[in-house]
């Protein structure tokens, strides 16, 4: 049954609550009048958002910020932590690559 358009974010709490209570995707879609694909896309976006929040990534709104927008200290700290974590991960990956290269060269008898 078609419904008047409302943003799925308005239903987020109810959808997640029903999902946690064991309702299937089909039952949730029928209850709110969504299509299956809309529900699947919503769940995918919700899961990505939750993973970012767990990793400590600050979720920013897209587009140009309003004129009265002020960056909080908490946002700055979270962003710096994320940058440091990415740098550490990159250094670790490069160290592993370097070790593999050394092992390869020693096995081939070049060094």
PDB file of N, CA and C in Angstrom:
ATOM      1  N   UNK A   1       0.827  -1.165   0.000  1.00  0.00           N
ATOM      2  CA  UNK A   1       0.000   0.000   0.000  1.00  0.00           C
ATOM      3  C   UNK A   1       0.880   1.239   0.000  1.00  0.00           C
ATOM      4  N   UNK A   2       0.738   2.110  -0.985  1.00  0.00           N
ATOM      5  CA  UNK A   2       1.582   3.292  -1.074  1.00  0.00           C
ATOM      6  C   UNK A   2       1.292   4.255   0.074  1.00  0.00           C
ATOM      7  N   UNK A   3       2.289   4.976   0.442  1.00  0.00           N
ATOM      8  CA  UNK A   3       2.133   5.933   1.522  1.00  0.00           C
ATOM      9  C   UNK A   3       2.679   7.270   1.081  1.00  0.00           C
ATOM     10  N   UNK A   4       2.322   8.315   1.804  1.00  0.00           N
ATOM     11  CA  UNK A   4       2.886   9.621   1.538  1.00  0.00           C
ATOM     12  C   UNK A   4       4.341   9.590   1.988  1.00  0.00           C
ATOM     13  N   UNK A   5       5.219  10.215   1.242  1.00  0.00           N
ATOM     14  CA  UNK A   5       6.644  10.104   1.533  1.00  0.00           C
ATOM     15  C   UNK A   5       6.998  10.751   2.867  1.00  0.00           C
ATOM     16  N   UNK A   6       7.724  10.013   3.680  1.00  0.00           N
ATOM     17  CA  UNK A   6       8.359  10.517   4.893  1.00  0.00           C
ATOM     18  C   UNK A   6       9.742   9.909   4.944  1.00  0.00           C
ATOM     19  N   UNK A   7      10.688  10.666   5.417  1.00  0.00           N
ATOM     20  CA  UNK A   7      12.071  10.207   5.462  1.00  0.00           C
ATOM     21  C   UNK A   7      12.178   8.988   6.375  1.00  0.00           C
ATOM     22  N   UNK A   8      12.931   7.976   5.945  1.00  0.00           N
ATOM     23  CA  UNK A   8      13.044   6.751   6.739  1.00  0.00           C
ATOM     24  C   UNK A   8      13.716   7.004   8.074  1.00  0.00           C
ATOM     25  N   UNK A   9      14.522   8.053   8.163  1.00  0.00           N
ATOM     26  CA  UNK A   9      15.164   8.385   9.425  1.00  0.00           C
ATOM     27  C   UNK A   9      14.160   8.666  10.530  1.00  0.00           C
ATOM     28  N   UNK A  10      12.974   9.108  10.144  1.00  0.00           N
ATOM     29  CA  UNK A  10      11.921   9.360  11.127  1.00  0.00           C
ATOM     30  C   UNK A  10      11.439   8.061  11.770  1.00  0.00           C
ATOM     31  N   UNK A  11      11.623   6.962  11.086  1.00  0.00           N
ATOM     32  CA  UNK A  11      11.190   5.658  11.589  1.00  0.00           C
ATOM     33  C   UNK A  11      12.343   4.848  12.170  1.00  0.00           C
ATOM     34  N   UNK A  12      13.527   5.423  12.240  1.00  0.00           N
ATOM     35  CA  UNK A  12      14.736   4.662  12.607  1.00  0.00           C
ATOM     36  C   UNK A  12      14.577   3.896  13.910  1.00  0.00           C
ATOM     37  N   UNK A  13      14.131   4.567  14.956  1.00  0.00           N
ATOM     38  CA  UNK A  13      14.018   3.907  16.261  1.00  0.00           C
ATOM     39  C   UNK A  13      13.049   2.734  16.210  1.00  0.00           C
ATOM     40  N   UNK A  14      11.900   2.942  15.571  1.00  0.00           N
ATOM     41  CA  UNK A  14      10.906   1.871  15.508  1.00  0.00           C
ATOM     42  C   UNK A  14      11.416   0.691  14.684  1.00  0.00           C
ATOM     43  N   UNK A  15      12.067   0.972  13.563  1.00  0.00           N
ATOM     44  CA  UNK A  15      12.571  -0.095  12.693  1.00  0.00           C
ATOM     45  C   UNK A  15      13.612  -0.927  13.424  1.00  0.00           C
ATOM     46  N   UNK A  16      14.565  -0.253  14.085  1.00  0.00           N
ATOM     47  CA  UNK A  16      15.623  -0.975  14.784  1.00  0.00           C
ATOM     48  C   UNK A  16      15.059  -1.758  15.959  1.00  0.00           C
ATOM     49  N   UNK A  17      14.074  -1.185  16.637  1.00  0.00           N
ATOM     50  CA  UNK A  17      13.448  -1.884  17.758  1.00  0.00           C
ATOM     51  C   UNK A  17      12.748  -3.154  17.276  1.00  0.00           C
ATOM     52  N   UNK A  18      12.001  -3.044  16.180  1.00  0.00           N
ATOM     53  CA  UNK A  18      11.323  -4.226  15.630  1.00  0.00           C
ATOM     54  C   UNK A  18      12.340  -5.262  15.161  1.00  0.00           C
ATOM     55  N   UNK A  19      13.397  -4.792  14.556  1.00  0.00           N
ATOM     56  CA  UNK A  19      14.438  -5.702  14.060  1.00  0.00           C
ATOM     57  C   UNK A  19      15.081  -6.450  15.227  1.00  0.00           C
ATOM     58  N   UNK A  20      15.342  -5.739  16.338  1.00  0.00           N
ATOM     59  CA  UNK A  20      15.941  -6.375  17.514  1.00  0.00           C
ATOM     60  C   UNK A  20      14.972  -7.328  18.211  1.00  0.00           C
ATOM     61  N   UNK A  21      13.673  -7.097  18.029  1.00  0.00           N
ATOM     62  CA  UNK A  21      12.661  -7.980  18.617  1.00  0.00           C
ATOM     63  C   UNK A  21      12.402  -9.214  17.768  1.00  0.00           C
ATOM     64  N   UNK A  22      13.089  -9.345  16.631  1.00  0.00           N
ATOM     65  CA  UNK A  22      12.981 -10.563  15.836  1.00  0.00           C
ATOM     66  C   UNK A  22      12.042 -10.501  14.655  1.00  0.00           C
ATOM     67  N   UNK A  23      11.509  -9.335  14.339  1.00  0.00           N
ATOM     68  CA  UNK A  23      10.645  -9.214  13.164  1.00  0.00           C
ATOM     69  C   UNK A  23      11.502  -9.335  11.903  1.00  0.00           C
ATOM     70  N   UNK A  24      10.926  -9.905  10.866  1.00  0.00           N
ATOM     71  CA  UNK A  24      11.646 -10.030   9.600  1.00  0.00           C
ATOM     72  C   UNK A  24      11.554  -8.725   8.830  1.00  0.00           C
ATOM     73  N   UNK A  25      12.405  -8.599   7.825  1.00  0.00           N
ATOM     74  CA  UNK A  25      12.387  -7.418   6.978  1.00  0.00           C
ATOM     75  C   UNK A  25      11.053  -7.248   6.281  1.00  0.00           C
ATOM     76  N   UNK A  26      10.475  -8.345   5.851  1.00  0.00           N
ATOM     77  CA  UNK A  26       9.174  -8.295   5.158  1.00  0.00           C
ATOM     78  C   UNK A  26       8.087  -7.772   6.083  1.00  0.00           C
ATOM     79  N   UNK A  27       8.083  -8.238   7.327  1.00  0.00           N
ATOM     80  CA  UNK A  27       7.066  -7.782   8.273  1.00  0.00           C
ATOM     81  C   UNK A  27       7.212  -6.290   8.577  1.00  0.00           C
ATOM     82  N   UNK A  28       8.443  -5.845   8.703  1.00  0.00           N
ATOM     83  CA  UNK A  28       8.694  -4.427   8.970  1.00  0.00           C
ATOM     84  C   UNK A  28       8.251  -3.575   7.783  1.00  0.00           C
ATOM     85  N   UNK A  29       8.559  -4.043   6.568  1.00  0.00           N
ATOM     86  CA  UNK A  29       8.154  -3.322   5.360  1.00  0.00           C
ATOM     87  C   UNK A  29       6.637  -3.213   5.267  1.00  0.00           C
ATOM     88  N   UNK A  30       5.945  -4.295   5.560  1.00  0.00           N
ATOM     89  CA  UNK A  30       4.485  -4.285   5.496  1.00  0.00           C
ATOM     90  C   UNK A  30       3.897  -3.345   6.537  1.00  0.00           C
ATOM     91  N   UNK A  31       4.511  -3.307   7.706  1.00  0.00           N
ATOM     92  CA  UNK A  31       3.982  -2.459   8.776  1.00  0.00           C
ATOM     93  C   UNK A  31       4.079  -0.974   8.423  1.00  0.00           C
ATOM     94  N   UNK A  32       5.203  -0.555   7.815  1.00  0.00           N
ATOM     95  CA  UNK A  32       5.408   0.857   7.511  1.00  0.00           C
ATOM     96  C   UNK A  32       5.091   1.223   6.066  1.00  0.00           C
ATOM     97  N   UNK A  33       4.860   0.240   5.214  1.00  0.00           N
ATOM     98  CA  UNK A  33       4.532   0.523   3.827  1.00  0.00           C
ATOM     99  C   UNK A  33       5.740   0.814   2.961  1.00  0.00           C
ATOM    100  N   UNK A  34       6.897   0.262   3.325  1.00  0.00           N
ATOM    101  CA  UNK A  34       8.110   0.445   2.530  1.00  0.00           C
ATOM    102  C   UNK A  34       8.244  -0.666   1.509  1.00  0.00           C
ATOM    103  N   UNK A  35       9.085  -0.425   0.526  1.00  0.00           N
ATOM    104  CA  UNK A  35       9.475  -1.483  -0.394  1.00  0.00           C
ATOM    105  C   UNK A  35      10.673  -2.204   0.229  1.00  0.00           C
ATOM    106  N   UNK A  36      10.876  -3.443  -0.184  1.00  0.00           N
ATOM    107  CA  UNK A  36      11.965  -4.251   0.370  1.00  0.00           C
ATOM    108  C   UNK A  36      13.320  -3.589   0.133  1.00  0.00           C
ATOM    109  N   UNK A  37      13.516  -3.038  -1.048  1.00  0.00           N
ATOM    110  CA  UNK A  37      14.798  -2.407  -1.390  1.00  0.00           C
ATOM    111  C   UNK A  37      15.056  -1.176  -0.520  1.00  0.00           C
ATOM    112  N   UNK A  38      14.005  -0.407  -0.213  1.00  0.00           N
ATOM    113  CA  UNK A  38      14.155   0.753   0.658  1.00  0.00           C
ATOM    114  C   UNK A  38      14.643   0.309   2.034  1.00  0.00           C
ATOM    115  N   UNK A  39      14.043  -0.764   2.528  1.00  0.00           N
ATOM    116  CA  UNK A  39      14.423  -1.283   3.838  1.00  0.00           C
ATOM    117  C   UNK A  39      15.874  -1.771   3.825  1.00  0.00           C
ATOM    118  N   UNK A  40      16.248  -2.504   2.788  1.00  0.00           N
ATOM    119  CA  UNK A  40      17.618  -3.026   2.695  1.00  0.00           C
ATOM    120  C   UNK A  40      18.637  -1.890   2.643  1.00  0.00           C
ATOM    121  N   UNK A  41      18.350  -0.863   1.852  1.00  0.00           N
ATOM    122  CA  UNK A  41      19.256   0.280   1.765  1.00  0.00           C
ATOM    123  C   UNK A  41      19.358   1.003   3.109  1.00  0.00           C
ATOM    124  N   UNK A  42      18.231   1.137   3.795  1.00  0.00           N
ATOM    125  CA  UNK A  42      18.247   1.785   5.098  1.00  0.00           C
ATOM    126  C   UNK A  42      19.121   1.012   6.082  1.00  0.00           C
ATOM    127  N   UNK A  43      18.974  -0.296   6.120  1.00  0.00           N
ATOM    128  CA  UNK A  43      19.750  -1.130   7.049  1.00  0.00           C
ATOM    129  C   UNK A  43      21.238  -1.046   6.716  1.00  0.00           C
ATOM    130  N   UNK A  44      21.575  -1.040   5.422  1.00  0.00           N
ATOM    131  CA  UNK A  44      22.975  -0.913   5.016  1.00  0.00           C
ATOM    132  C   UNK A  44      23.562   0.407   5.500  1.00  0.00           C
ATOM    133  N   UNK A  45      22.837   1.494   5.282  1.00  0.00           N
ATOM    134  CA  UNK A  45      23.307   2.814   5.737  1.00  0.00           C
ATOM    135  C   UNK A  45      23.417   2.862   7.263  1.00  0.00           C
ATOM    136  N   UNK A  46      22.455   2.279   7.945  1.00  0.00           N
ATOM    137  CA  UNK A  46      22.461   2.268   9.411  1.00  0.00           C
ATOM    138  C   UNK A  46      23.673   1.494   9.934  1.00  0.00           C
ATOM    139  N   UNK A  47      23.955   0.336   9.345  1.00  0.00           N
ATOM    140  CA  UNK A  47      25.098  -0.470   9.785  1.00  0.00           C
ATOM    141  C   UNK A  47      26.417   0.253   9.549  1.00  0.00           C
ATOM    142  N   UNK A  48      26.562   0.931   8.398  1.00  0.00           N
ATOM    143  CA  UNK A  48      27.783   1.696   8.126  1.00  0.00           C
ATOM    144  C   UNK A  48      27.954   2.809   9.144  1.00  0.00           C
ATOM    145  N   UNK A  49      26.861   3.465   9.461  1.00  0.00           N
ATOM    146  CA  UNK A  49      26.901   4.558  10.436  1.00  0.00           C
ATOM    147  C   UNK A  49      27.330   4.029  11.805  1.00  0.00           C
ATOM    148  N   UNK A  50      26.808   2.894  12.208  1.00  0.00           N
ATOM    149  CA  UNK A  50      27.155   2.320  13.505  1.00  0.00           C
ATOM    150  C   UNK A  50      28.625   1.907  13.558  1.00  0.00           C
ATOM    151  N   UNK A  51      29.145   1.354  12.450  1.00  0.00           N
ATOM    152  CA  UNK A  51      30.566   0.976  12.409  1.00  0.00           C
ATOM    153  C   UNK A  51      31.452   2.200  12.548  1.00  0.00           C
ATOM    154  N   UNK A  52      31.081   3.297  11.902  1.00  0.00           N
ATOM    155  CA  UNK A  52      31.856   4.526  12.013  1.00  0.00           C
ATOM    156  C   UNK A  52      31.825   5.052  13.440  1.00  0.00           C
ATOM    157  N   UNK A  53      30.663   5.016  14.064  1.00  0.00           N
ATOM    158  CA  UNK A  53      30.551   5.487  15.433  1.00  0.00           C
ATOM    159  C   UNK A  53      31.392   4.643  16.385  1.00  0.00           C
ATOM    160  N   UNK A  54      31.400   3.316  16.179  1.00  0.00           N
ATOM    161  CA  UNK A  54      32.198   2.424  17.019  1.00  0.00           C
ATOM    162  C   UNK A  54      33.688   2.674  16.828  1.00  0.00           C
ATOM    163  N   UNK A  55      34.096   3.023  15.603  1.00  0.00           N
ATOM    164  CA  UNK A  55      35.508   3.285  15.317  1.00  0.00           C
ATOM    165  C   UNK A  55      35.934   4.671  15.786  1.00  0.00           C
ATOM    166  N   UNK A  56      34.978   5.481  16.214  1.00  0.00           N
ATOM    167  CA  UNK A  56      35.311   6.810  16.696  1.00  0.00           C
ATOM    168  C   UNK A  56      35.374   7.861  15.608  1.00  0.00           C
ATOM    169  N   UNK A  57      34.830   7.555  14.452  1.00  0.00           N
ATOM    170  CA  UNK A  57      34.828   8.507  13.348  1.00  0.00           C
ATOM    171  C   UNK A  57      33.671   9.471  13.542  1.00  0.00           C
ATOM    172  N   UNK A  58      33.962  10.736  13.394  1.00  0.00           N
ATOM    173  CA  UNK A  58      32.923  11.747  13.536  1.00  0.00           C
ATOM    174  C   UNK A  58      32.072  11.750  12.275  1.00  0.00           C
ATOM    175  N   UNK A  59      30.766  11.645  12.455  1.00  0.00           N
ATOM    176  CA  UNK A  59      29.861  11.675  11.312  1.00  0.00           C
ATOM    177  C   UNK A  59      29.481  13.121  11.058  1.00  0.00           C
ATOM    178  N   UNK A  60      29.834  13.594   9.873  1.00  0.00           N
ATOM    179  CA  UNK A  60      29.570  14.980   9.523  1.00  0.00           C
ATOM    180  C   UNK A  60      28.430  15.039   8.523  1.00  0.00           C
ATOM    181  N   UNK A  61      27.666  16.093   8.596  1.00  0.00           N
ATOM    182  CA  UNK A  61      26.628  16.297   7.600  1.00  0.00           C
ATOM    183  C   UNK A  61      27.287  16.732   6.309  1.00  0.00           C
ATOM    184  N   UNK A  62      26.705  16.345   5.201  1.00  0.00           N
ATOM    185  CA  UNK A  62      27.252  16.713   3.903  1.00  0.00           C
ATOM    186  C   UNK A  62      26.828  18.120   3.538  1.00  0.00           C
ATOM    187  N   UNK A  63      27.610  18.721   2.669  1.00  0.00           N
ATOM    188  CA  UNK A  63      27.272  20.053   2.207  1.00  0.00           C
ATOM    189  C   UNK A  63      27.980  21.131   2.998  1.00  0.00           C
ATOM    190  N   UNK A  64      27.678  22.344   2.663  1.00  0.00           N
ATOM    191  CA  UNK A  64      28.309  23.491   3.295  1.00  0.00           C
ATOM    192  C   UNK A  64      27.722  23.711   4.695  1.00  0.00           C
ATOM    193  N   UNK A  65      28.589  23.917   5.694  1.00  0.00           N
ATOM    194  CA  UNK A  65      28.070  24.125   7.045  1.00  0.00           C
ATOM    195  C   UNK A  65      27.392  25.485   7.176  1.00  0.00           C
ATOM    196  N   UNK A  66      26.463  25.609   8.107  1.00  0.00           N
ATOM    197  CA  UNK A  66      25.808  26.910   8.307  1.00  0.00           C
ATOM    198  C   UNK A  66      26.797  27.946   8.841  1.00  0.00           C
ATOM    199  N   UNK A  67      26.435  29.210   8.726  1.00  0.00           N
ATOM    200  CA  UNK A  67      27.344  30.287   9.120  1.00  0.00           C
ATOM    201  C   UNK A  67      27.658  30.257  10.608  1.00  0.00           C
ATOM    202  N   UNK A  68      26.727  29.821  11.416  1.00  0.00           N
ATOM    203  CA  UNK A  68      26.952  29.804  12.857  1.00  0.00           C
ATOM    204  C   UNK A  68      27.532  28.480  13.360  1.00  0.00           C
ATOM    205  N   UNK A  69      28.088  27.669  12.469  1.00  0.00           N
ATOM    206  CA  UNK A  69      28.631  26.357  12.818  1.00  0.00           C
ATOM    207  C   UNK A  69      29.941  26.508  13.578  1.00  0.00           C
ATOM    208  N   UNK A  70      30.045  25.835  14.705  1.00  0.00           N
ATOM    209  CA  UNK A  70      31.267  25.861  15.514  1.00  0.00           C
ATOM    210  C   UNK A  70      31.706  24.414  15.730  1.00  0.00           C
ATOM    211  N   UNK A  71      32.994  24.139  15.488  1.00  0.00           N
ATOM    212  CA  UNK A  71      33.532  22.800  15.684  1.00  0.00           C
ATOM    213  C   UNK A  71      33.839  22.633  17.170  1.00  0.00           C
ATOM    214  N   UNK A  72      33.290  21.586  17.769  1.00  0.00           N
ATOM    215  CA  UNK A  72      33.513  21.356  19.192  1.00  0.00           C
ATOM    216  C   UNK A  72      34.865  20.692  19.419  1.00  0.00           C
ATOM    217  N   UNK A  73      35.348  20.794  20.625  1.00  0.00           N
ATOM    218  CA  UNK A  73      36.623  20.172  20.991  1.00  0.00           C
ATOM    219  C   UNK A  73      36.539  18.658  20.858  1.00  0.00           C
ATOM    220  N   UNK A  74      35.393  18.104  21.195  1.00  0.00           N
ATOM    221  CA  UNK A  74      35.198  16.657  21.109  1.00  0.00           C
ATOM    222  C   UNK A  74      35.337  16.185  19.656  1.00  0.00           C
ATOM    223  N   UNK A  75      34.788  16.941  18.717  1.00  0.00           N
ATOM    224  CA  UNK A  75      34.896  16.588  17.304  1.00  0.00           C
ATOM    225  C   UNK A  75      36.349  16.651  16.842  1.00  0.00           C
ATOM    226  N   UNK A  76      37.058  17.685  17.286  1.00  0.00           N
ATOM    227  CA  UNK A  76      38.467  17.832  16.916  1.00  0.00           C
ATOM    228  C   UNK A  76      39.295  16.663  17.446  1.00  0.00           C
ATOM    229  N   UNK A  77      39.062  16.297  18.709  1.00  0.00           N
ATOM    230  CA  UNK A  77      39.803  15.197  19.321  1.00  0.00           C
ATOM    231  C   UNK A  77      39.511  13.888  18.598  1.00  0.00           C
ATOM    232  N   UNK A  78      38.243  13.634  18.300  1.00  0.00           N
ATOM    233  CA  UNK A  78      37.865  12.400  17.609  1.00  0.00           C
ATOM    234  C   UNK A  78      38.499  12.330  16.231  1.00  0.00           C
ATOM    235  N   UNK A  79      38.529  13.442  15.524  1.00  0.00           N
ATOM    236  CA  UNK A  79      39.127  13.455  14.190  1.00  0.00           C
ATOM    237  C   UNK A  79      40.632  13.223  14.250  1.00  0.00           C
ATOM    238  N   UNK A  80      41.301  13.821  15.223  1.00  0.00           N
ATOM    239  CA  UNK A  80      42.747  13.616  15.376  1.00  0.00           C
ATOM    240  C   UNK A  80      43.070  12.177  15.758  1.00  0.00           C
ATOM    241  N   UNK A  81      42.242  11.572  16.619  1.00  0.00           N
ATOM    242  CA  UNK A  81      42.446  10.163  16.978  1.00  0.00           C
ATOM    243  C   UNK A  81      42.325   9.279  15.750  1.00  0.00           C
ATOM    244  N   UNK A  82      41.343   9.579  14.923  1.00  0.00           N
ATOM    245  CA  UNK A  82      41.152   8.790  13.710  1.00  0.00           C
ATOM    246  C   UNK A  82      42.352   8.934  12.771  1.00  0.00           C
ATOM    247  N   UNK A  83      42.848  10.156  12.610  1.00  0.00           N
ATOM    248  CA  UNK A  83      44.002  10.399  11.737  1.00  0.00           C
ATOM    249  C   UNK A  83      45.219   9.643  12.251  1.00  0.00           C
ATOM    250  N   UNK A  84      45.458   9.679  13.563  1.00  0.00           N
ATOM    251  CA  UNK A  84      46.588   8.953  14.140  1.00  0.00           C
ATOM    252  C   UNK A  84      46.442   7.447  13.953  1.00  0.00           C
ATOM    253  N   UNK A  85      45.243   6.939  14.135  1.00  0.00           N
ATOM    254  CA  UNK A  85      45.016   5.503  13.954  1.00  0.00           C
ATOM    255  C   UNK A  85      45.296   5.090  12.514  1.00  0.00           C
ATOM    256  N   UNK A  86      44.876   5.900  11.542  1.00  0.00           N
ATOM    257  CA  UNK A  86      45.121   5.585  10.135  1.00  0.00           C
ATOM    258  C   UNK A  86      46.617   5.610   9.817  1.00  0.00           C
ATOM    259  N   UNK A  87      47.337   6.600  10.391  1.00  0.00           N
ATOM    260  CA  UNK A  87      48.779   6.673  10.155  1.00  0.00           C
ATOM    261  C   UNK A  87      49.479   5.455  10.738  1.00  0.00           C
ATOM    262  N   UNK A  88      49.093   5.055  11.950  1.00  0.00           N
ATOM    263  CA  UNK A  88      49.691   3.879  12.570  1.00  0.00           C
ATOM    264  C   UNK A  88      49.407   2.630  11.748  1.00  0.00           C
ATOM    265  N   UNK A  89      48.211   2.514  11.224  1.00  0.00           N
ATOM    266  CA  UNK A  89      47.863   1.361  10.396  1.00  0.00           C
ATOM    267  C   UNK A  89      48.691   1.354   9.110  1.00  0.00           C
ATOM    268  N   UNK A  90      48.902   2.522   8.518  1.00  0.00           N
ATOM    269  CA  UNK A  90      49.693   2.625   7.289  1.00  0.00           C
ATOM    270  C   UNK A  90      51.138   2.247   7.564  1.00  0.00           C
ATOM    271  N   UNK A  91      51.707   2.714   8.688  1.00  0.00           N
ATOM    272  CA  UNK A  91      53.083   2.373   9.052  1.00  0.00           C
ATOM    273  C   UNK A  91      53.216   0.873   9.258  1.00  0.00           C
ATOM    274  N   UNK A  92      52.247   0.275   9.941  1.00  0.00           N
ATOM    275  CA  UNK A  92      52.278  -1.165  10.173  1.00  0.00           C
ATOM    276  C   UNK A  92      52.234  -1.937   8.849  1.00  0.00           C
ATOM    277  N   UNK A  93      51.393  -1.491   7.933  1.00  0.00           N
ATOM    278  CA  UNK A  93      51.290  -2.158   6.628  1.00  0.00           C
ATOM    279  C   UNK A  93      52.605  -2.040   5.859  1.00  0.00           C
ATOM    280  N   UNK A  94      53.233  -0.873   5.906  1.00  0.00           N
ATOM    281  CA  UNK A  94      54.510  -0.689   5.222  1.00  0.00           C
ATOM    282  C   UNK A  94      55.610  -1.537   5.844  1.00  0.00           C
ATOM    283  N   UNK A  95      55.614  -1.676   7.161  1.00  0.00           N
ATOM    284  CA  UNK A  95      56.592  -2.533   7.825  1.00  0.00           C
ATOM    285  C   UNK A  95      56.414  -3.987   7.407  1.00  0.00           C
ATOM    286  N   UNK A  96      55.172  -4.440   7.316  1.00  0.00           N
ATOM    287  CA  UNK A  96      54.907  -5.811   6.887  1.00  0.00           C
ATOM    288  C   UNK A  96      55.366  -6.015   5.447  1.00  0.00           C
ATOM    289  N   UNK A  97      55.094  -5.043   4.599  1.00  0.00           N
ATOM    290  CA  UNK A  97      55.502  -5.132   3.199  1.00  0.00           C
ATOM    291  C   UNK A  97      57.027  -5.171   3.086  1.00  0.00           C
ATOM    292  N   UNK A  98      57.689  -4.357   3.881  1.00  0.00           N
ATOM    293  CA  UNK A  98      59.147  -4.315   3.885  1.00  0.00           C
ATOM    294  C   UNK A  98      59.717  -5.660   4.325  1.00  0.00           C
ATOM    295  N   UNK A  99      59.121  -6.255   5.353  1.00  0.00           N
ATOM    296  CA  UNK A  99      59.575  -7.552   5.837  1.00  0.00           C
ATOM    297  C   UNK A  99      59.369  -8.637   4.775  1.00  0.00           C
ATOM    298  N   UNK A 100      58.243  -8.604   4.099  1.00  0.00           N
ATOM    299  CA  UNK A 100      57.994  -9.575   3.028  1.00  0.00           C
ATOM    300  C   UNK A 100      59.007  -9.426   1.902  1.00  0.00           C
ATOM    301  N   UNK A 101      59.322  -8.176   1.559  1.00  0.00           N
ATOM    302  CA  UNK A 101      60.302  -7.926   0.504  1.00  0.00           C
ATOM    303  C   UNK A 101      61.675  -8.453   0.909  1.00  0.00           C
ATOM    304  N   UNK A 102      62.065  -8.223   2.163  1.00  0.00           N
ATOM    305  CA  UNK A 102      63.350  -8.720   2.652  1.00  0.00           C
ATOM    306  C   UNK A 102      63.395 -10.239   2.599  1.00  0.00           C
ATOM    307  N   UNK A 103      62.304 -10.884   3.043  1.00  0.00           N
ATOM    308  CA  UNK A 103      62.259 -12.337   3.003  1.00  0.00           C
ATOM    309  C   UNK A 103      62.341 -12.869   1.590  1.00  0.00           C
ATOM    310  N   UNK A 104      61.646 -12.223   0.671  1.00  0.00           N
ATOM    311  CA  UNK A 104      61.670 -12.635  -0.735  1.00  0.00           C
ATOM    312  C   UNK A 104      63.082 -12.516  -1.306  1.00  0.00           C
ATOM    313  N   UNK A 105      63.742 -11.402  -1.035  1.00  0.00           N
ATOM    314  CA  UNK A 105      65.096 -11.208  -1.554  1.00  0.00           C
ATOM    315  C   UNK A 105      66.072 -12.197  -0.948  1.00  0.00           C
ATOM    316  N   UNK A 106      65.915 -12.526   0.313  1.00  0.00           N
ATOM    317  CA  UNK A 106      66.828 -13.482   0.930  1.00  0.00           C
ATOM    318  C   UNK A 106      66.585 -14.894   0.378  1.00  0.00           C
ATOM    319  N   UNK A 107      65.339 -15.229   0.090  1.00  0.00           N
ATOM    320  CA  UNK A 107      65.034 -16.551  -0.469  1.00  0.00           C
ATOM    321  C   UNK A 107      65.536 -16.694  -1.898  1.00  0.00           C
ATOM    322  N   UNK A 108      65.516 -15.618  -2.659  1.00  0.00           N
ATOM    323  CA  UNK A 108      65.986 -15.694  -4.033  1.00  0.00           C
ATOM    324  C   UNK A 108      67.503 -15.547  -4.122  1.00  0.00           C
ATOM    325  N   UNK A 109      68.142 -15.250  -3.010  1.00  0.00           N
ATOM    326  CA  UNK A 109      69.594 -15.164  -2.971  1.00  0.00           C
ATOM    327  C   UNK A 109      70.154 -13.857  -3.454  1.00  0.00           C
ATOM    328  N   UNK A 110      69.370 -12.829  -3.478  1.00  0.00           N
ATOM    329  CA  UNK A 110      69.855 -11.529  -3.943  1.00  0.00           C
ATOM    330  C   UNK A 110      70.509 -10.736  -2.838  1.00  0.00           C
ATOM    331  N   UNK A 111      70.137 -10.958  -1.609  1.00  0.00           N
ATOM    332  CA  UNK A 111      70.764 -10.252  -0.480  1.00  0.00           C
ATOM    333  C   UNK A 111      71.018 -11.181   0.648  1.00  0.00           C
TER     334      UNK A 111
END
